[in-house]
């Protein structure tokens, strides 16, 4: 298995709340939505190609919770909806009881050990 990380991050290291102001105000973060104004059709096409290469999504608990809340309700013709909802989701969490955004597998314990199996 090959793991490829795709992360949206500013040059000064911010990755919190890229999608909307209310996405993740944790810790008093007030700059949510910083990424959306910079999206253009070329980027959407490239991101779609990256997603086409994925066999699954490896997510942390907080990202999974936000995605599981939002993606099932995003209507087509969004270029990512069908794939995001259909791909297997692997969630790294020792606290999540279950994953309702199917198909979901919860990975517990020492993650390096767990994914090496």
N, C-alpha and C. Protein backbone atom coordinates (compact mmCIF):
# COMPACT_ATOMS: atom_id res chain seq x y z
N UNK A 1 0.84 -1.17 0.00
CA UNK A 1 0.00 0.00 0.00
C UNK A 1 0.88 1.23 0.00
N UNK A 2 0.52 2.19 -0.80
CA UNK A 2 1.24 3.45 -0.88
C UNK A 2 0.35 4.54 -0.30
N UNK A 3 0.89 5.35 0.60
CA UNK A 3 0.13 6.46 1.18
C UNK A 3 0.66 7.76 0.59
N UNK A 4 -0.25 8.54 0.03
CA UNK A 4 0.08 9.85 -0.53
C UNK A 4 -0.71 10.89 0.26
N UNK A 5 -0.02 11.92 0.72
CA UNK A 5 -0.68 12.95 1.51
C UNK A 5 -0.99 14.15 0.62
N UNK A 6 -2.24 14.55 0.66
CA UNK A 6 -2.66 15.79 0.01
C UNK A 6 -3.18 16.69 1.11
N UNK A 7 -2.53 17.82 1.32
CA UNK A 7 -2.92 18.72 2.40
C UNK A 7 -2.90 20.15 1.89
N UNK A 8 -3.92 20.88 2.25
CA UNK A 8 -3.98 22.30 1.88
C UNK A 8 -3.41 23.10 3.04
N UNK A 9 -2.31 23.79 2.77
CA UNK A 9 -1.60 24.52 3.82
C UNK A 9 -1.06 25.83 3.26
N UNK A 10 -1.12 26.89 4.08
CA UNK A 10 -0.57 28.17 3.65
C UNK A 10 0.95 28.13 3.77
N UNK A 11 1.61 29.11 3.16
CA UNK A 11 3.07 29.16 3.24
C UNK A 11 3.59 29.34 4.66
N UNK A 12 2.74 29.91 5.54
CA UNK A 12 3.17 30.06 6.93
C UNK A 12 2.65 28.94 7.83
N UNK A 13 2.18 27.84 7.21
CA UNK A 13 1.88 26.63 7.97
C UNK A 13 0.46 26.43 8.46
N UNK A 14 -0.49 27.26 8.03
CA UNK A 14 -1.87 27.10 8.47
C UNK A 14 -2.57 26.05 7.61
N UNK A 15 -3.15 25.04 8.26
CA UNK A 15 -3.95 24.06 7.52
C UNK A 15 -5.36 23.99 8.09
N UNK A 16 -5.62 24.71 9.14
CA UNK A 16 -6.92 24.67 9.82
C UNK A 16 -7.99 25.40 9.02
N UNK A 17 -9.17 24.81 8.92
CA UNK A 17 -10.36 25.46 8.38
C UNK A 17 -10.23 26.03 6.99
N UNK A 18 -9.72 25.29 6.00
CA UNK A 18 -9.56 25.88 4.68
C UNK A 18 -10.87 26.14 3.94
N UNK A 19 -11.95 25.41 4.29
CA UNK A 19 -13.16 25.45 3.47
C UNK A 19 -14.16 26.54 3.79
N UNK A 20 -14.38 26.83 5.07
CA UNK A 20 -15.38 27.85 5.42
C UNK A 20 -15.05 28.46 6.77
N UNK A 21 -15.64 29.60 7.03
CA UNK A 21 -15.39 30.32 8.28
C UNK A 21 -15.76 29.46 9.49
N UNK A 22 -16.86 28.70 9.38
CA UNK A 22 -17.34 27.90 10.50
C UNK A 22 -16.76 26.49 10.55
N UNK A 23 -15.91 26.15 9.60
CA UNK A 23 -15.41 24.77 9.50
C UNK A 23 -14.69 24.29 10.75
N UNK A 24 -13.78 25.09 11.28
CA UNK A 24 -13.03 24.68 12.46
C UNK A 24 -12.56 25.91 13.23
N UNK A 25 -13.43 26.46 14.08
CA UNK A 25 -13.04 27.63 14.86
C UNK A 25 -12.30 27.29 16.15
N UNK A 26 -11.86 26.02 16.28
CA UNK A 26 -11.17 25.57 17.48
C UNK A 26 -9.97 26.45 17.83
N UNK A 27 -9.78 26.66 19.12
CA UNK A 27 -8.65 27.45 19.59
C UNK A 27 -8.77 28.92 19.23
N UNK A 28 -9.99 29.38 18.93
CA UNK A 28 -10.20 30.79 18.58
C UNK A 28 -9.81 31.14 17.16
N UNK A 29 -9.64 30.12 16.29
CA UNK A 29 -9.23 30.37 14.90
C UNK A 29 -10.34 31.10 14.16
N UNK A 30 -10.01 32.27 13.59
CA UNK A 30 -11.02 33.12 12.94
C UNK A 30 -10.76 33.32 11.45
N UNK A 31 -9.85 32.57 10.88
CA UNK A 31 -9.49 32.76 9.46
C UNK A 31 -9.99 31.63 8.57
N UNK A 32 -11.02 30.89 9.02
CA UNK A 32 -11.55 29.80 8.23
C UNK A 32 -12.01 30.26 6.86
N UNK A 33 -11.90 29.39 5.88
CA UNK A 33 -12.29 29.71 4.51
C UNK A 33 -11.19 30.35 3.70
N UNK A 34 -9.97 30.33 4.20
CA UNK A 34 -8.85 31.01 3.54
C UNK A 34 -8.51 30.41 2.19
N UNK A 35 -8.86 29.15 1.95
CA UNK A 35 -8.46 28.47 0.72
C UNK A 35 -9.43 28.70 -0.44
N UNK A 36 -10.71 28.74 -0.13
CA UNK A 36 -11.75 28.79 -1.16
C UNK A 36 -11.60 29.94 -2.15
N UNK A 37 -11.25 31.15 -1.72
CA UNK A 37 -11.12 32.24 -2.71
C UNK A 37 -10.05 32.00 -3.78
N UNK A 38 -9.15 31.05 -3.54
CA UNK A 38 -8.06 30.79 -4.48
C UNK A 38 -8.34 29.62 -5.42
N UNK A 39 -9.49 28.98 -5.28
CA UNK A 39 -9.83 27.86 -6.17
C UNK A 39 -10.16 28.38 -7.56
N UNK A 40 -9.70 27.67 -8.55
CA UNK A 40 -10.09 27.98 -9.93
C UNK A 40 -10.31 26.65 -10.65
N UNK A 41 -10.79 26.70 -11.88
CA UNK A 41 -11.12 25.48 -12.61
C UNK A 41 -9.91 24.58 -12.82
N UNK A 42 -8.74 25.16 -13.06
CA UNK A 42 -7.53 24.35 -13.23
C UNK A 42 -7.22 23.54 -11.97
N UNK A 43 -7.35 24.19 -10.80
CA UNK A 43 -7.09 23.47 -9.56
C UNK A 43 -8.12 22.37 -9.35
N UNK A 44 -9.39 22.66 -9.59
CA UNK A 44 -10.44 21.66 -9.41
C UNK A 44 -10.18 20.45 -10.30
N UNK A 45 -9.76 20.68 -11.54
CA UNK A 45 -9.44 19.58 -12.45
C UNK A 45 -8.26 18.76 -11.93
N UNK A 46 -7.23 19.43 -11.45
CA UNK A 46 -6.06 18.73 -10.91
C UNK A 46 -6.44 17.92 -9.68
N UNK A 47 -7.17 18.52 -8.76
CA UNK A 47 -7.59 17.81 -7.55
C UNK A 47 -8.46 16.61 -7.90
N UNK A 48 -9.28 16.74 -8.90
CA UNK A 48 -10.11 15.63 -9.36
C UNK A 48 -9.25 14.49 -9.88
N UNK A 49 -8.19 14.82 -10.61
CA UNK A 49 -7.27 13.79 -11.10
C UNK A 49 -6.56 13.09 -9.94
N UNK A 50 -6.17 13.86 -8.91
CA UNK A 50 -5.54 13.25 -7.74
C UNK A 50 -6.50 12.27 -7.07
N UNK A 51 -7.75 12.67 -6.92
CA UNK A 51 -8.74 11.81 -6.27
C UNK A 51 -9.00 10.56 -7.09
N UNK A 52 -8.92 10.67 -8.41
CA UNK A 52 -9.09 9.50 -9.28
C UNK A 52 -8.05 8.42 -8.99
N UNK A 53 -6.89 8.81 -8.49
CA UNK A 53 -5.81 7.87 -8.21
C UNK A 53 -5.96 7.17 -6.87
N UNK A 54 -6.87 7.65 -6.03
CA UNK A 54 -7.00 7.12 -4.67
C UNK A 54 -7.77 5.81 -4.63
N UNK A 55 -7.27 4.90 -3.79
CA UNK A 55 -7.98 3.65 -3.51
C UNK A 55 -8.75 3.74 -2.20
N UNK A 56 -8.50 4.80 -1.44
CA UNK A 56 -9.17 5.00 -0.16
C UNK A 56 -8.73 6.32 0.43
N UNK A 57 -9.36 6.70 1.54
CA UNK A 57 -9.04 7.94 2.23
C UNK A 57 -8.58 7.60 3.65
N UNK A 58 -7.41 8.08 4.05
CA UNK A 58 -6.89 7.90 5.41
C UNK A 58 -7.07 9.23 6.12
N UNK A 59 -7.90 9.23 7.17
CA UNK A 59 -8.31 10.47 7.82
C UNK A 59 -8.12 10.40 9.33
N UNK A 60 -7.86 11.54 9.93
CA UNK A 60 -7.91 11.65 11.38
C UNK A 60 -9.36 11.79 11.81
N UNK A 61 -9.60 11.64 13.10
CA UNK A 61 -10.97 11.67 13.63
C UNK A 61 -11.69 12.99 13.35
N UNK A 62 -11.03 14.10 13.58
CA UNK A 62 -11.70 15.40 13.39
C UNK A 62 -12.02 15.64 11.92
N UNK A 63 -11.09 15.33 11.02
CA UNK A 63 -11.35 15.50 9.60
C UNK A 63 -12.47 14.57 9.16
N UNK A 64 -12.41 13.32 9.65
CA UNK A 64 -13.47 12.36 9.32
C UNK A 64 -14.83 12.88 9.77
N UNK A 65 -14.92 13.38 10.98
CA UNK A 65 -16.20 13.88 11.50
C UNK A 65 -16.75 15.00 10.62
N UNK A 66 -15.89 15.92 10.21
CA UNK A 66 -16.34 17.02 9.35
C UNK A 66 -16.75 16.50 7.97
N UNK A 67 -15.95 15.62 7.39
CA UNK A 67 -16.27 15.07 6.07
C UNK A 67 -17.54 14.23 6.12
N UNK A 68 -17.69 13.40 7.16
CA UNK A 68 -18.86 12.53 7.29
C UNK A 68 -20.13 13.36 7.47
N UNK A 69 -19.99 14.52 8.08
CA UNK A 69 -21.12 15.43 8.25
C UNK A 69 -21.50 16.09 6.93
N UNK A 70 -20.49 16.48 6.15
CA UNK A 70 -20.75 17.32 4.98
C UNK A 70 -20.88 16.58 3.65
N UNK A 71 -19.98 15.64 3.35
CA UNK A 71 -19.94 15.04 2.01
C UNK A 71 -21.21 14.30 1.61
N UNK A 72 -21.86 13.56 2.50
CA UNK A 72 -23.08 12.89 2.06
C UNK A 72 -24.18 13.85 1.60
N UNK A 73 -24.13 15.09 2.03
CA UNK A 73 -25.15 16.07 1.66
C UNK A 73 -24.79 16.97 0.50
N UNK A 74 -23.59 16.83 -0.05
CA UNK A 74 -23.17 17.68 -1.16
C UNK A 74 -23.73 17.09 -2.45
N UNK A 75 -24.50 17.88 -3.12
CA UNK A 75 -25.17 17.40 -4.33
C UNK A 75 -24.23 17.44 -5.53
N UNK A 76 -24.49 16.53 -6.45
CA UNK A 76 -23.79 16.60 -7.73
C UNK A 76 -24.35 17.80 -8.48
N UNK A 77 -23.65 18.42 -9.36
CA UNK A 77 -22.53 17.91 -10.12
C UNK A 77 -21.16 18.23 -9.54
N UNK A 78 -21.04 18.36 -8.22
CA UNK A 78 -19.72 18.54 -7.64
C UNK A 78 -18.81 17.43 -8.18
N UNK A 79 -17.60 17.77 -8.64
CA UNK A 79 -16.74 16.76 -9.28
C UNK A 79 -16.19 15.70 -8.33
N UNK A 80 -16.40 15.86 -7.04
CA UNK A 80 -15.81 14.95 -6.06
C UNK A 80 -16.83 14.10 -5.31
N UNK A 81 -18.09 14.48 -5.32
CA UNK A 81 -19.10 13.88 -4.45
C UNK A 81 -19.18 12.36 -4.54
N UNK A 82 -19.36 11.82 -5.73
CA UNK A 82 -19.53 10.37 -5.87
C UNK A 82 -18.31 9.64 -5.35
N UNK A 83 -17.12 10.09 -5.71
CA UNK A 83 -15.90 9.40 -5.28
C UNK A 83 -15.65 9.53 -3.78
N UNK A 84 -15.86 10.71 -3.23
CA UNK A 84 -15.64 10.90 -1.80
C UNK A 84 -16.57 10.01 -0.99
N UNK A 85 -17.80 9.87 -1.43
CA UNK A 85 -18.75 9.05 -0.69
C UNK A 85 -18.53 7.55 -0.91
N UNK A 86 -17.99 7.16 -2.06
CA UNK A 86 -17.84 5.74 -2.38
C UNK A 86 -16.51 5.14 -1.91
N UNK A 87 -15.46 5.94 -1.86
CA UNK A 87 -14.15 5.39 -1.48
C UNK A 87 -14.16 4.85 -0.05
N UNK A 88 -13.39 3.78 0.20
CA UNK A 88 -13.24 3.31 1.58
C UNK A 88 -12.56 4.39 2.42
N UNK A 89 -13.07 4.57 3.63
CA UNK A 89 -12.51 5.53 4.56
C UNK A 89 -11.82 4.77 5.69
N UNK A 90 -10.60 5.16 6.03
CA UNK A 90 -9.84 4.59 7.13
C UNK A 90 -9.59 5.72 8.11
N UNK A 91 -10.12 5.58 9.32
CA UNK A 91 -10.07 6.65 10.30
C UNK A 91 -9.15 6.25 11.46
N UNK A 92 -8.19 7.09 11.74
CA UNK A 92 -7.26 6.88 12.85
C UNK A 92 -7.91 7.47 14.10
N UNK A 93 -8.34 6.60 15.03
CA UNK A 93 -8.99 7.09 16.24
C UNK A 93 -9.06 6.00 17.30
N UNK A 94 -8.77 6.40 18.53
CA UNK A 94 -8.99 5.51 19.67
C UNK A 94 -10.26 5.91 20.41
N UNK A 95 -10.94 6.98 19.95
CA UNK A 95 -12.13 7.45 20.65
C UNK A 95 -13.42 7.31 19.84
N UNK A 96 -13.32 7.20 18.54
CA UNK A 96 -14.52 7.08 17.70
C UNK A 96 -15.13 5.69 17.89
N UNK A 97 -16.41 5.64 18.23
CA UNK A 97 -17.09 4.36 18.46
C UNK A 97 -17.46 3.65 17.17
N UNK A 98 -17.89 4.43 16.19
CA UNK A 98 -18.31 3.82 14.92
C UNK A 98 -18.17 4.86 13.81
N UNK A 99 -18.14 4.36 12.58
CA UNK A 99 -18.08 5.24 11.42
C UNK A 99 -19.32 5.04 10.59
N UNK A 100 -20.15 6.06 10.51
CA UNK A 100 -21.42 5.95 9.79
C UNK A 100 -21.33 6.34 8.32
N UNK A 101 -20.22 6.91 7.91
CA UNK A 101 -20.04 7.31 6.50
C UNK A 101 -19.41 6.12 5.80
N UNK A 102 -20.23 5.29 5.23
CA UNK A 102 -19.77 4.01 4.68
C UNK A 102 -19.13 4.13 3.31
N UNK A 103 -18.16 3.28 3.04
CA UNK A 103 -17.56 2.29 3.94
C UNK A 103 -16.47 2.90 4.81
N UNK A 104 -16.51 2.62 6.11
CA UNK A 104 -15.53 3.16 7.06
C UNK A 104 -14.93 2.04 7.90
N UNK A 105 -13.60 2.11 8.06
CA UNK A 105 -12.87 1.22 8.96
C UNK A 105 -12.14 2.10 9.96
N UNK A 106 -12.29 1.81 11.24
CA UNK A 106 -11.60 2.57 12.28
C UNK A 106 -10.30 1.86 12.63
N UNK A 107 -9.21 2.61 12.57
CA UNK A 107 -7.88 2.09 12.89
C UNK A 107 -7.50 2.55 14.30
N UNK A 108 -7.20 1.60 15.16
CA UNK A 108 -6.89 1.92 16.56
C UNK A 108 -5.47 1.50 16.92
N UNK A 109 -5.01 2.03 18.03
CA UNK A 109 -3.71 1.63 18.56
C UNK A 109 -2.55 2.26 17.82
N UNK A 110 -1.44 1.55 17.77
CA UNK A 110 -0.23 2.01 17.09
C UNK A 110 -0.49 1.95 15.59
N UNK A 111 -0.67 3.10 14.96
CA UNK A 111 -1.09 3.16 13.56
C UNK A 111 -0.03 2.57 12.63
N UNK A 112 1.23 2.82 12.89
CA UNK A 112 2.27 2.24 12.03
C UNK A 112 2.17 0.71 12.04
N UNK A 113 1.91 0.14 13.22
CA UNK A 113 1.74 -1.30 13.34
C UNK A 113 0.45 -1.76 12.64
N UNK A 114 -0.62 -1.01 12.83
CA UNK A 114 -1.92 -1.37 12.28
C UNK A 114 -1.92 -1.39 10.76
N UNK A 115 -1.35 -0.37 10.13
CA UNK A 115 -1.38 -0.30 8.67
C UNK A 115 -0.32 -1.19 8.03
N UNK A 116 0.64 -1.66 8.82
CA UNK A 116 1.66 -2.56 8.27
C UNK A 116 1.12 -3.96 8.04
N UNK A 117 0.01 -4.27 8.65
CA UNK A 117 -0.57 -5.62 8.54
C UNK A 117 -1.13 -5.85 7.16
